[in-house]
Amino acid sequence: MVDLVFEKATYFYIRIIDSEVLRQHCGKIETWETVKINHEKKEVATTNFAPFGEETEYRVVVTRALKKDAQLDLFSGSAYNYFGIMTSNTVFTNKEVIEFYNDRGDSENSNRYLLNDFNVHHLPFMDMDTNTVFMYFMAMSSILFEWLKTILVKNKTPKIKLNMRAKAVFFHCVSVSTQFINHAREKILQVFSAQNYVVLQI
């Protein structure tokens, strides 16, 4: 499969599953650099590695993380866990390879977000054309929702954070019990919530 991808694709990025051979190989790497990825410092290195016992070697960008128990591994001779990304791209830096690969995971998380929070998992119509319009509408709704969260956080709305899911935001800020009451010859909307509801300033 790797040979076929190497032949057909301009660049490929494949996560290497942890194995005894990989750990043994990574334990011999002497030069590591520290880079900052997603606000977290990581030790990375580039090595040439032949997967599956084959002769053809590919570039592998390796990330290592110190084990919590600091116990030495029998095969690598070190106290690190290793994670590798095999690629045919020899132009990108180590950091660029990792960030490009992580973008794929972010895309998958966005799809999962639409499936679970915006009901794309249950398409309401029988034909694909109408369902396509529905999915586009839900995608736009998710973008507007992310924008709304930034406004709420900017206005220092209590208990609202940028990483909150849709249900949590609705629970804290949108879905509340109310009733109209008569007071001083006027109808007033009474909100049963500790939240201080004011006009949304944008």
Foldseek 3Di string as FASTA:
>chain_A
DVVVCVVPPPKDKDKDDDDLVVLLVVLPDDDWDWDADPNDIWTWDWDWDDPPPDDDTFIKIKTWDADPVFDADPRSRGRIDIIIMTMNDPPDDSRVSVVVVVVVVVVVVLVVLCVPQVVLVPQDDDDPVVSVVSSVVSSVVVVVVLVVLVLCVVVVFPPRDSPDRPVSCCVQPNDFDWDWDADPNDTDIGTPHPTDDDPRDD
